[in-house]
Amino acid sequence: MVWHMIASSRFTIERKQIMMRSKLGRSITFILAVPLVTLCACAAEPLRLDVTEHTDVHHVFTGMAKSYGVTITNLTESVVTIERGILIEHKIPRGWIQETAIQAVANCTEIDTKYQWKAPIHLEGHSSRAVIPWDGFLCAGQCSEPCRQNVRVHGIYRFVVVIVPDGKRIASPPFTIPRY
C-alpha cells in the first residue's frame, strides 16, 4: 500500500493505492481518494475578535453617534501575546489597506506613549479584553490626544490583531462607519 497526502487549509485528501490480484493472476492497481476532515489546533484561530458599537463616544468632538470597539477573546488554554497596536484597515476596491491604528488597552491610563506601542499585550487562556472604542477619527480617535489635523472617516473597516512572535494576522468582521 502507498499513501499520499494532499493538504489544504480545511481538509486533507488521502490517496490510497491498493494492489490486488485478479482470478487470472494479473495485478490490478486501484487508487482511492478519500477526503478526511482534519482538526488541527494549529489551523484553528487562537483569537476571536467581536466588534461592538458604543454610544459613549470618548472623543472631544461632540455630535458623533457611535464609536466602534473590539473585544479580543483568547480561545486557547495558553497565553497568547499580541502586538499592542491594533491595525484599522479600510476596504477599497483593490482590497484592504491600513488606515490608522489604536491600542489594545482597556482604559486610557494604559495608553503607551513612552515606548511608542512596543510593549506587547499578554492574554491569559480563555480570557477576554474589551478595548477602548475607536471614534472613527484618524488621530486621537481612541483617547483624547493633541492632534492638529483630524478627519472623521466613513466606509467599511475592520480591526486586525497581530500575534507575536509569528506575525499571524487575525481580522474582525467588517463594520460600516456612516458618512456624517
C-alpha atoms as a PDB file:
ATOM      1  CA  MET A   1       0.000   0.000   0.000  1.00  0.00           C
ATOM      2  CA  VAL A   2       1.164   3.530  -0.797  1.00  0.00           C
ATOM      3  CA  TRP A   3      -0.323   6.575   0.943  1.00  0.00           C
ATOM      4  CA  HIS A   4      -0.233  10.125  -0.421  1.00  0.00           C
ATOM      5  CA  MET A   5      -1.456  13.140   1.496  1.00  0.00           C
ATOM      6  CA  ILE A   6      -2.557  16.372  -0.195  1.00  0.00           C
ATOM      7  CA  ALA A   7      -3.086  19.081   2.406  1.00  0.00           C
ATOM      8  CA  SER A   8      -5.291  22.118   2.180  1.00  0.00           C
ATOM      9  CA  SER A   9      -6.379  24.608   4.806  1.00  0.00           C
ATOM     10  CA  ARG A  10      -9.724  22.913   5.501  1.00  0.00           C
ATOM     11  CA  PHE A  11      -9.363  19.232   4.775  1.00  0.00           C
ATOM     12  CA  THR A  12      -6.944  16.543   3.660  1.00  0.00           C
ATOM     13  CA  ILE A  13      -7.286  14.192   0.698  1.00  0.00           C
ATOM     14  CA  GLU A  14      -5.879  10.801   1.392  1.00  0.00           C
ATOM     15  CA  ARG A  15      -4.969   8.712  -1.616  1.00  0.00           C
ATOM     16  CA  LYS A  16      -4.643   5.013  -1.041  1.00  0.00           C
ATOM     17  CA  GLN A  17      -3.100   2.785  -3.678  1.00  0.00           C
ATOM     18  CA  ILE A  18      -4.214  -0.840  -3.422  1.00  0.00           C
ATOM     19  CA  MET A  19      -2.729  -3.633  -5.456  1.00  0.00           C
ATOM     20  CA  MET A  20      -4.822  -6.785  -5.880  1.00  0.00           C
ATOM     21  CA  ARG A  21      -4.530  -9.904  -7.970  1.00  0.00           C
ATOM     22  CA  SER A  22      -7.315 -10.938 -10.297  1.00  0.00           C
ATOM     23  CA  LYS A  23      -8.551 -14.505 -10.643  1.00  0.00           C
ATOM     24  CA  LEU A  24      -6.286 -14.837 -13.681  1.00  0.00           C
ATOM     25  CA  GLY A  25      -3.200 -13.814 -11.675  1.00  0.00           C
ATOM     26  CA  ARG A  26      -2.836 -10.286 -13.084  1.00  0.00           C
ATOM     27  CA  SER A  27      -2.152  -7.387 -10.737  1.00  0.00           C
ATOM     28  CA  ILE A  28      -4.689  -4.622 -10.635  1.00  0.00           C
ATOM     29  CA  THR A  29      -3.982  -1.246  -9.016  1.00  0.00           C
ATOM     30  CA  PHE A  30      -6.748   0.905  -7.535  1.00  0.00           C
ATOM     31  CA  ILE A  31      -6.266   4.459  -6.334  1.00  0.00           C
ATOM     32  CA  LEU A  32      -8.882   5.686  -3.897  1.00  0.00           C
ATOM     33  CA  ALA A  33      -9.210   9.356  -2.974  1.00  0.00           C
ATOM     34  CA  VAL A  34     -10.905   9.849   0.374  1.00  0.00           C
ATOM     35  CA  PRO A  35     -11.479  13.326   1.813  1.00  0.00           C
ATOM     36  CA  LEU A  36     -10.742  13.485   5.522  1.00  0.00           C
ATOM     37  CA  VAL A  37     -11.693  16.369   7.760  1.00  0.00           C
ATOM     38  CA  THR A  38      -8.735  17.131   9.980  1.00  0.00           C
ATOM     39  CA  LEU A  39      -8.997  19.023  13.193  1.00  0.00           C
ATOM     40  CA  CYS A  40      -5.666  20.612  13.958  1.00  0.00           C
ATOM     41  CA  ALA A  41      -5.167  23.061  16.812  1.00  0.00           C
ATOM     42  CA  CYS A  42      -2.598  24.886  14.675  1.00  0.00           C
ATOM     43  CA  ALA A  43      -5.207  25.563  11.966  1.00  0.00           C
ATOM     44  CA  ALA A  44      -7.801  26.938  14.386  1.00  0.00           C
ATOM     45  CA  GLU A  45      -7.820  30.636  15.147  1.00  0.00           C
ATOM     46  CA  PRO A  46      -6.415  31.297  18.636  1.00  0.00           C
ATOM     47  CA  LEU A  47      -8.346  34.561  18.949  1.00  0.00           C
ATOM     48  CA  ARG A  48     -11.861  35.768  18.233  1.00  0.00           C
ATOM     49  CA  LEU A  49     -12.490  39.451  17.543  1.00  0.00           C
ATOM     50  CA  ASP A  50     -16.002  40.773  18.188  1.00  0.00           C
ATOM     51  CA  VAL A  51     -16.935  44.291  17.057  1.00  0.00           C
ATOM     52  CA  THR A  52     -19.335  46.294  19.198  1.00  0.00           C
ATOM     53  CA  GLU A  53     -20.977  49.656  18.642  1.00  0.00           C
ATOM     54  CA  HIS A  54     -20.956  52.083  21.558  1.00  0.00           C
ATOM     55  CA  THR A  55     -22.920  55.236  22.247  1.00  0.00           C
ATOM     56  CA  ASP A  56     -20.356  56.517  24.778  1.00  0.00           C
ATOM     57  CA  VAL A  57     -18.094  58.422  22.396  1.00  0.00           C
ATOM     58  CA  HIS A  58     -14.746  59.290  24.024  1.00  0.00           C
ATOM     59  CA  HIS A  59     -13.667  61.934  21.533  1.00  0.00           C
ATOM     60  CA  VAL A  60     -13.605  65.609  22.443  1.00  0.00           C
ATOM     61  CA  PHE A  61     -15.770  66.426  19.423  1.00  0.00           C
ATOM     62  CA  THR A  62     -19.462  66.140  20.118  1.00  0.00           C
ATOM     63  CA  GLY A  63     -22.285  65.070  17.856  1.00  0.00           C
ATOM     64  CA  MET A  64     -20.810  61.669  16.966  1.00  0.00           C
ATOM     65  CA  ALA A  65     -23.476  58.997  17.254  1.00  0.00           C
ATOM     66  CA  LYS A  66     -21.291  55.905  17.703  1.00  0.00           C
ATOM     67  CA  SER A  67     -17.867  54.557  18.401  1.00  0.00           C
ATOM     68  CA  TYR A  68     -16.600  51.083  17.485  1.00  0.00           C
ATOM     69  CA  GLY A  69     -14.987  48.737  19.947  1.00  0.00           C
ATOM     70  CA  VAL A  70     -13.409  45.336  19.678  1.00  0.00           C
ATOM     71  CA  THR A  71     -13.316  42.542  22.235  1.00  0.00           C
ATOM     72  CA  ILE A  72     -10.400  40.131  21.836  1.00  0.00           C
ATOM     73  CA  THR A  73     -11.038  36.645  23.233  1.00  0.00           C
ATOM     74  CA  ASN A  74      -8.272  34.075  23.692  1.00  0.00           C
ATOM     75  CA  LEU A  75      -9.791  30.745  22.628  1.00  0.00           C
ATOM     76  CA  THR A  76      -6.811  28.650  23.779  1.00  0.00           C
ATOM     77  CA  GLU A  77      -5.635  27.228  27.100  1.00  0.00           C
ATOM     78  CA  SER A  78      -2.316  29.080  26.970  1.00  0.00           C
ATOM     79  CA  VAL A  79      -1.208  32.711  26.970  1.00  0.00           C
ATOM     80  CA  VAL A  80      -1.399  34.459  23.580  1.00  0.00           C
ATOM     81  CA  THR A  81       0.797  37.516  23.061  1.00  0.00           C
ATOM     82  CA  ILE A  82      -0.354  40.226  20.672  1.00  0.00           C
ATOM     83  CA  GLU A  83       1.099  43.480  19.446  1.00  0.00           C
ATOM     84  CA  ARG A  84      -0.197  46.475  21.387  1.00  0.00           C
ATOM     85  CA  GLY A  85      -1.247  48.244  18.200  1.00  0.00           C
ATOM     86  CA  ILE A  86      -4.493  47.069  16.596  1.00  0.00           C
ATOM     87  CA  LEU A  87      -4.498  47.930  12.910  1.00  0.00           C
ATOM     88  CA  ILE A  88      -7.578  49.550  11.428  1.00  0.00           C
ATOM     89  CA  GLU A  89      -7.978  48.649   7.775  1.00  0.00           C
ATOM     90  CA  HIS A  90     -10.249  50.334   5.225  1.00  0.00           C
ATOM     91  CA  LYS A  91     -11.849  48.378   2.393  1.00  0.00           C
ATOM     92  CA  ILE A  92     -11.198  49.836  -1.046  1.00  0.00           C
ATOM     93  CA  PRO A  93     -11.916  48.311  -4.478  1.00  0.00           C
ATOM     94  CA  ARG A  94      -8.417  46.715  -4.586  1.00  0.00           C
ATOM     95  CA  GLY A  95      -8.754  45.140  -1.113  1.00  0.00           C
ATOM     96  CA  TRP A  96      -7.855  46.210   2.425  1.00  0.00           C
ATOM     97  CA  ILE A  97      -5.380  48.994   3.304  1.00  0.00           C
ATOM     98  CA  GLN A  98      -4.236  50.169   6.717  1.00  0.00           C
ATOM     99  CA  GLU A  99      -5.809  53.491   7.584  1.00  0.00           C
ATOM    100  CA  THR A 100      -4.752  54.011  11.219  1.00  0.00           C
ATOM    101  CA  ALA A 101      -4.316  52.054  14.462  1.00  0.00           C
ATOM    102  CA  ILE A 102      -5.464  52.005  18.067  1.00  0.00           C
ATOM    103  CA  GLN A 103      -4.001  50.334  21.138  1.00  0.00           C
ATOM    104  CA  ALA A 104      -5.292  47.103  22.689  1.00  0.00           C
ATOM    105  CA  VAL A 105      -5.958  48.748  26.025  1.00  0.00           C
ATOM    106  CA  ALA A 106      -8.960  48.626  28.339  1.00  0.00           C
ATOM    107  CA  ASN A 107      -8.644  52.208  29.602  1.00  0.00           C
ATOM    108  CA  CYS A 108      -6.866  55.429  28.682  1.00  0.00           C
ATOM    109  CA  THR A 109      -4.362  55.166  31.538  1.00  0.00           C
ATOM    110  CA  GLU A 110      -2.845  52.111  29.769  1.00  0.00           C
ATOM    111  CA  ILE A 111      -2.051  54.095  26.603  1.00  0.00           C
ATOM    112  CA  ASP A 112       1.653  53.618  25.863  1.00  0.00           C
ATOM    113  CA  THR A 113       3.183  56.840  24.552  1.00  0.00           C
ATOM    114  CA  LYS A 114       6.586  56.411  26.210  1.00  0.00           C
ATOM    115  CA  TYR A 115       7.530  53.201  24.369  1.00  0.00           C
ATOM    116  CA  GLN A 116       5.689  54.024  21.141  1.00  0.00           C
ATOM    117  CA  TRP A 117       3.429  50.961  21.307  1.00  0.00           C
ATOM    118  CA  LYS A 118       6.308  48.475  21.587  1.00  0.00           C
ATOM    119  CA  ALA A 119       5.190  46.644  24.753  1.00  0.00           C
ATOM    120  CA  PRO A 120       3.120  43.585  23.741  1.00  0.00           C
ATOM    121  CA  ILE A 121      -0.089  42.536  25.498  1.00  0.00           C
ATOM    122  CA  HIS A 122      -0.444  39.064  27.052  1.00  0.00           C
ATOM    123  CA  LEU A 123      -3.891  37.462  27.080  1.00  0.00           C
ATOM    124  CA  GLU A 124      -4.313  34.596  29.545  1.00  0.00           C
ATOM    125  CA  GLY A 125      -6.027  31.402  28.362  1.00  0.00           C
ATOM    126  CA  HIS A 126      -9.794  31.757  27.877  1.00  0.00           C
ATOM    127  CA  SER A 127      -9.750  35.440  28.796  1.00  0.00           C
ATOM    128  CA  SER A 128     -11.130  38.497  27.011  1.00  0.00           C
ATOM    129  CA  ARG A 129     -10.054  42.102  26.676  1.00  0.00           C
ATOM    130  CA  ALA A 130     -12.555  44.785  25.730  1.00  0.00           C
ATOM    131  CA  VAL A 131     -10.629  47.573  24.019  1.00  0.00           C
ATOM    132  CA  ILE A 132     -11.460  51.271  24.365  1.00  0.00           C
ATOM    133  CA  PRO A 133     -13.705  52.074  21.377  1.00  0.00           C
ATOM    134  CA  TRP A 134     -12.480  53.954  18.315  1.00  0.00           C
ATOM    135  CA  ASP A 135     -14.489  57.039  17.348  1.00  0.00           C
ATOM    136  CA  GLY A 136     -13.613  56.920  13.658  1.00  0.00           C
ATOM    137  CA  PHE A 137     -11.076  59.745  13.735  1.00  0.00           C
ATOM    138  CA  LEU A 138      -7.678  59.253  12.094  1.00  0.00           C
ATOM    139  CA  CYS A 139      -5.821  60.647  15.103  1.00  0.00           C
ATOM    140  CA  ALA A 140      -6.904  60.881  18.725  1.00  0.00           C
ATOM    141  CA  GLY A 141      -9.829  58.596  17.954  1.00  0.00           C
ATOM    142  CA  GLN A 142      -9.384  56.358  20.971  1.00  0.00           C
ATOM    143  CA  CYS A 143      -8.262  58.576  23.847  1.00  0.00           C
ATOM    144  CA  SER A 144      -8.065  62.332  23.525  1.00  0.00           C
ATOM    145  CA  GLU A 145      -4.601  63.466  22.449  1.00  0.00           C
ATOM    146  CA  PRO A 146      -3.449  66.686  20.799  1.00  0.00           C
ATOM    147  CA  CYS A 147      -3.958  66.492  17.059  1.00  0.00           C
ATOM    148  CA  ARG A 148      -3.668  69.451  14.688  1.00  0.00           C
ATOM    149  CA  GLN A 149      -5.422  67.940  11.673  1.00  0.00           C
ATOM    150  CA  ASN A 150      -8.095  65.374  12.296  1.00  0.00           C
ATOM    151  CA  VAL A 151     -10.595  63.748   9.995  1.00  0.00           C
ATOM    152  CA  ARG A 152     -13.626  61.560  10.663  1.00  0.00           C
ATOM    153  CA  VAL A 153     -13.671  58.617   8.275  1.00  0.00           C
ATOM    154  CA  HIS A 154     -16.527  56.691   6.672  1.00  0.00           C
ATOM    155  CA  GLY A 155     -16.791  53.418   4.786  1.00  0.00           C
ATOM    156  CA  ILE A 156     -16.131  49.746   5.562  1.00  0.00           C
ATOM    157  CA  TYR A 157     -13.469  48.995   8.186  1.00  0.00           C
ATOM    158  CA  ARG A 158     -12.079  46.115  10.227  1.00  0.00           C
ATOM    159  CA  PHE A 159      -9.730  45.648  13.182  1.00  0.00           C
ATOM    160  CA  VAL A 160      -6.629  43.460  12.719  1.00  0.00           C
ATOM    161  CA  VAL A 161      -4.684  41.967  15.642  1.00  0.00           C
ATOM    162  CA  VAL A 162      -1.136  40.658  15.086  1.00  0.00           C
ATOM    163  CA  ILE A 163       0.112  37.715  17.147  1.00  0.00           C
ATOM    164  CA  VAL A 164       3.681  37.850  18.492  1.00  0.00           C
ATOM    165  CA  PRO A 165       6.187  36.454  17.529  1.00  0.00           C
ATOM    166  CA  ASP A 166       4.916  34.722  14.368  1.00  0.00           C
ATOM    167  CA  GLY A 167       3.143  37.769  12.902  1.00  0.00           C
ATOM    168  CA  LYS A 168      -0.143  35.967  12.180  1.00  0.00           C
ATOM    169  CA  ARG A 169      -2.902  38.497  11.482  1.00  0.00           C
ATOM    170  CA  ILE A 170      -6.460  37.944  12.685  1.00  0.00           C
ATOM    171  CA  ALA A 171      -9.188  40.249  11.357  1.00  0.00           C
ATOM    172  CA  SER A 172     -12.521  41.172  12.870  1.00  0.00           C
ATOM    173  CA  PRO A 173     -15.745  41.074  10.896  1.00  0.00           C
ATOM    174  CA  PRO A 174     -16.095  44.230   8.767  1.00  0.00           C
ATOM    175  CA  PHE A 175     -18.185  47.118  10.088  1.00  0.00           C
ATOM    176  CA  THR A 176     -19.528  50.249   8.413  1.00  0.00           C
ATOM    177  CA  ILE A 177     -18.982  53.808   9.576  1.00  0.00           C
ATOM    178  CA  PRO A 178     -21.688  56.006   8.010  1.00  0.00           C
ATOM    179  CA  ARG A 179     -20.979  59.398   6.488  1.00  0.00           C
ATOM    180  CA  TYR A 180     -21.975  62.255   8.817  1.00  0.00           C
END
